[in-house]
Amino acid sequence: MELIEKIQEAFTSKGLRLSVAESATAGLLSHMLTSLPGASAFFDSSVVAYSAESKKNLLGIKKSFIEKHGVISEETARAMSEAVRDKTGSDFSLAVTGNTGPVAMEDKRVGLIFISVSHREVTTSRGFIFSGSRDEVRRLAAVAAIEFLYEAVEAYS
């Protein structure tokens, strides 16, 4: 909660807005970011684009892009964060995609997660490998995304 308070303070004190695009975390990340009163002062919107089709329809990521890179890739995380920021006009966006299990997808191991933060012309991303149950991987991915977002807000705003 302390880190979410710091994010809320950083965004509201600087008049910044945030949008989120989630796949692997399936809404958990947005839930965590809006868990404190006053989140509406900085939290603009969230898209849970769980399927490849929803990434195409809701975020505008081309089918050929997804076929080339897969839904579990750093490139797709970056495309998701840029797309949701462009669509909402937010100052920052955050995206998470990956495999929470229980079986490998796209020949990529369970626990492989990609997170991306986008701010105007700067988009950064990271890959992680988490272990644990499906719920544990989702929780760890959401926490890592929040930590990554805080670093980005401090660096780019």
Protein backbone atom coordinates (compact mmCIF):
# COMPACT_ATOMS: atom_id res chain seq x y z
CA MET A 1 0.00 0.00 0.00
CA GLU A 2 2.85 2.37 0.72
CA LEU A 3 4.07 2.25 -2.87
CA ILE A 4 0.56 2.81 -4.21
CA GLU A 5 0.30 5.86 -1.94
CA LYS A 6 3.59 7.15 -3.38
CA ILE A 7 2.35 6.61 -6.93
CA GLN A 8 -0.92 8.36 -6.17
CA GLU A 9 0.96 11.29 -4.63
CA ALA A 10 3.44 11.52 -7.51
CA PHE A 11 0.69 11.47 -10.14
CA THR A 12 -1.69 13.86 -8.39
CA SER A 13 0.97 16.37 -7.34
CA LYS A 14 2.23 16.55 -10.93
CA GLY A 15 -1.24 16.49 -12.50
CA LEU A 16 -0.50 13.28 -14.39
CA ARG A 17 -2.96 10.68 -15.70
CA LEU A 18 -2.45 6.90 -15.99
CA SER A 19 -4.00 4.25 -18.21
CA VAL A 20 -3.42 0.50 -18.03
CA ALA A 21 -3.61 -2.38 -20.50
CA GLU A 22 -3.63 -5.79 -18.85
CA SER A 23 -3.54 -9.31 -20.09
CA ALA A 24 -1.80 -11.68 -17.66
CA THR A 25 -2.93 -9.81 -14.55
CA ALA A 26 -6.56 -9.78 -15.76
CA GLY A 27 -7.58 -6.60 -13.91
CA LEU A 28 -5.64 -7.20 -10.69
CA LEU A 29 -3.15 -4.44 -11.49
CA SER A 30 -5.89 -1.86 -12.01
CA HIS A 31 -7.63 -3.07 -8.86
CA MET A 32 -4.45 -2.54 -6.85
CA LEU A 33 -3.77 0.90 -8.33
CA THR A 34 -7.29 2.09 -7.52
CA SER A 35 -7.49 0.56 -4.06
CA LEU A 36 -7.01 3.85 -2.22
CA PRO A 37 -9.56 6.66 -2.03
CA GLY A 38 -8.77 9.44 -4.48
CA ALA A 39 -7.51 7.20 -7.29
CA SER A 40 -9.83 8.95 -9.74
CA ALA A 41 -7.55 11.99 -9.49
CA PHE A 42 -4.91 10.16 -11.53
CA PHE A 43 -6.31 6.87 -12.86
CA ASP A 44 -7.87 7.37 -16.28
CA SER A 45 -8.76 3.95 -17.63
CA SER A 46 -8.00 0.27 -17.88
CA VAL A 47 -8.38 -2.27 -20.64
CA VAL A 48 -8.24 -5.99 -19.95
CA ALA A 49 -7.22 -7.34 -23.34
CA TYR A 50 -6.87 -10.98 -22.40
CA SER A 51 -7.12 -12.61 -25.82
CA ALA A 52 -5.16 -11.93 -28.98
CA GLU A 53 -8.44 -10.87 -30.58
CA SER A 54 -9.11 -8.27 -27.87
CA LYS A 55 -5.58 -6.89 -28.25
CA LYS A 56 -6.44 -6.35 -31.90
CA ASN A 57 -9.99 -5.03 -31.41
CA LEU A 58 -9.57 -2.92 -28.28
CA LEU A 59 -5.97 -1.75 -28.61
CA GLY A 60 -5.55 -1.81 -32.37
CA ILE A 61 -2.55 -4.14 -32.38
CA LYS A 62 -2.38 -5.70 -35.81
CA LYS A 63 -2.93 -9.42 -36.23
CA SER A 64 0.31 -9.67 -38.22
CA PHE A 65 2.21 -8.08 -35.32
CA ILE A 66 0.81 -10.60 -32.85
CA GLU A 67 1.49 -13.47 -35.26
CA LYS A 68 5.10 -12.30 -35.60
CA HIS A 69 5.85 -11.60 -31.91
CA GLY A 70 3.21 -13.60 -30.04
CA VAL A 71 1.04 -12.34 -27.21
CA ILE A 72 3.75 -13.23 -24.70
CA SER A 73 6.56 -10.94 -25.77
CA GLU A 74 8.33 -7.75 -24.86
CA GLU A 75 7.27 -6.30 -28.21
CA THR A 76 3.60 -6.94 -27.45
CA ALA A 77 3.89 -5.42 -23.97
CA ARG A 78 5.40 -2.31 -25.54
CA ALA A 79 2.71 -2.17 -28.22
CA MET A 80 0.00 -2.51 -25.55
CA SER A 81 1.39 0.31 -23.42
CA GLU A 82 1.81 2.63 -26.39
CA ALA A 83 -1.62 1.81 -27.76
CA VAL A 84 -3.49 2.47 -24.52
CA ARG A 85 -1.58 5.71 -23.95
CA ASP A 86 -2.32 6.88 -27.50
CA LYS A 87 -6.01 5.96 -27.24
CA THR A 88 -6.55 7.64 -23.87
CA GLY A 89 -4.17 10.57 -24.07
CA SER A 90 -2.77 9.68 -20.65
CA ASP A 91 0.63 10.94 -19.56
CA PHE A 92 1.74 7.43 -18.59
CA SER A 93 0.55 3.96 -19.42
CA LEU A 94 1.38 0.57 -18.05
CA ALA A 95 0.93 -2.82 -19.72
CA VAL A 96 1.39 -6.43 -18.63
CA THR A 97 1.33 -9.59 -20.72
CA GLY A 98 2.63 -13.07 -20.07
CA ASN A 99 1.89 -16.63 -19.09
CA THR A 100 0.45 -17.27 -15.64
CA GLY A 101 -0.03 -20.98 -16.27
CA PRO A 102 -0.75 -23.68 -15.63
CA VAL A 103 0.69 -24.76 -19.01
CA ALA A 104 3.23 -23.22 -21.36
CA MET A 105 1.85 -21.13 -24.23
CA GLU A 106 3.61 -20.18 -27.44
CA ASP A 107 6.50 -22.40 -26.29
CA LYS A 108 7.11 -19.88 -23.49
CA ARG A 109 7.45 -21.00 -19.93
CA VAL A 110 4.90 -20.50 -17.20
CA GLY A 111 5.75 -17.42 -15.17
CA LEU A 112 7.23 -15.43 -18.06
CA ILE A 113 5.88 -11.88 -17.80
CA PHE A 114 6.60 -8.72 -19.79
CA ILE A 115 5.82 -5.26 -18.44
CA SER A 116 6.02 -1.95 -20.27
CA VAL A 117 5.67 1.68 -19.20
CA SER A 118 5.10 4.37 -21.81
CA HIS A 119 5.48 8.13 -21.34
CA ARG A 120 5.22 10.40 -24.37
CA GLU A 121 8.14 9.38 -26.59
CA VAL A 122 9.78 7.06 -24.05
CA THR A 123 8.67 3.45 -23.73
CA THR A 124 10.57 1.05 -21.52
CA SER A 125 10.00 -2.61 -20.86
CA ARG A 126 11.26 -5.50 -18.78
CA GLY A 127 10.89 -9.24 -18.71
CA PHE A 128 10.43 -11.29 -15.55
CA ILE A 129 10.20 -14.94 -14.62
CA PHE A 130 8.06 -15.66 -11.59
CA SER A 131 7.27 -18.98 -9.98
CA GLY A 132 4.31 -20.09 -7.96
CA SER A 133 0.64 -20.76 -8.54
CA ARG A 134 -1.35 -18.91 -11.19
CA ASP A 135 -2.61 -16.45 -8.57
CA GLU A 136 0.89 -15.95 -7.14
CA VAL A 137 2.33 -15.20 -10.59
CA ARG A 138 -0.46 -12.67 -11.24
CA ARG A 139 0.17 -10.99 -7.88
CA LEU A 140 3.94 -10.90 -8.38
CA ALA A 141 3.47 -9.47 -11.89
CA ALA A 142 1.12 -6.75 -10.61
CA VAL A 143 3.54 -5.78 -7.82
CA ALA A 144 6.48 -5.71 -10.26
CA ALA A 145 4.45 -3.51 -12.61
CA ILE A 146 3.65 -1.07 -9.80
CA GLU A 147 7.33 -0.90 -8.80
CA PHE A 148 8.35 -0.36 -12.44
CA LEU A 149 5.74 2.38 -12.84
CA TYR A 150 6.98 4.20 -9.76
CA GLU A 151 10.56 4.13 -11.08
CA ALA A 152 9.38 5.51 -14.41
CA VAL A 153 7.32 8.30 -12.84
CA GLU A 154 10.31 9.38 -10.78
CA ALA A 155 12.61 9.27 -13.81
CA TYR A 156 10.43 10.82 -16.54
CA SER A 157 8.17 13.37 -14.88
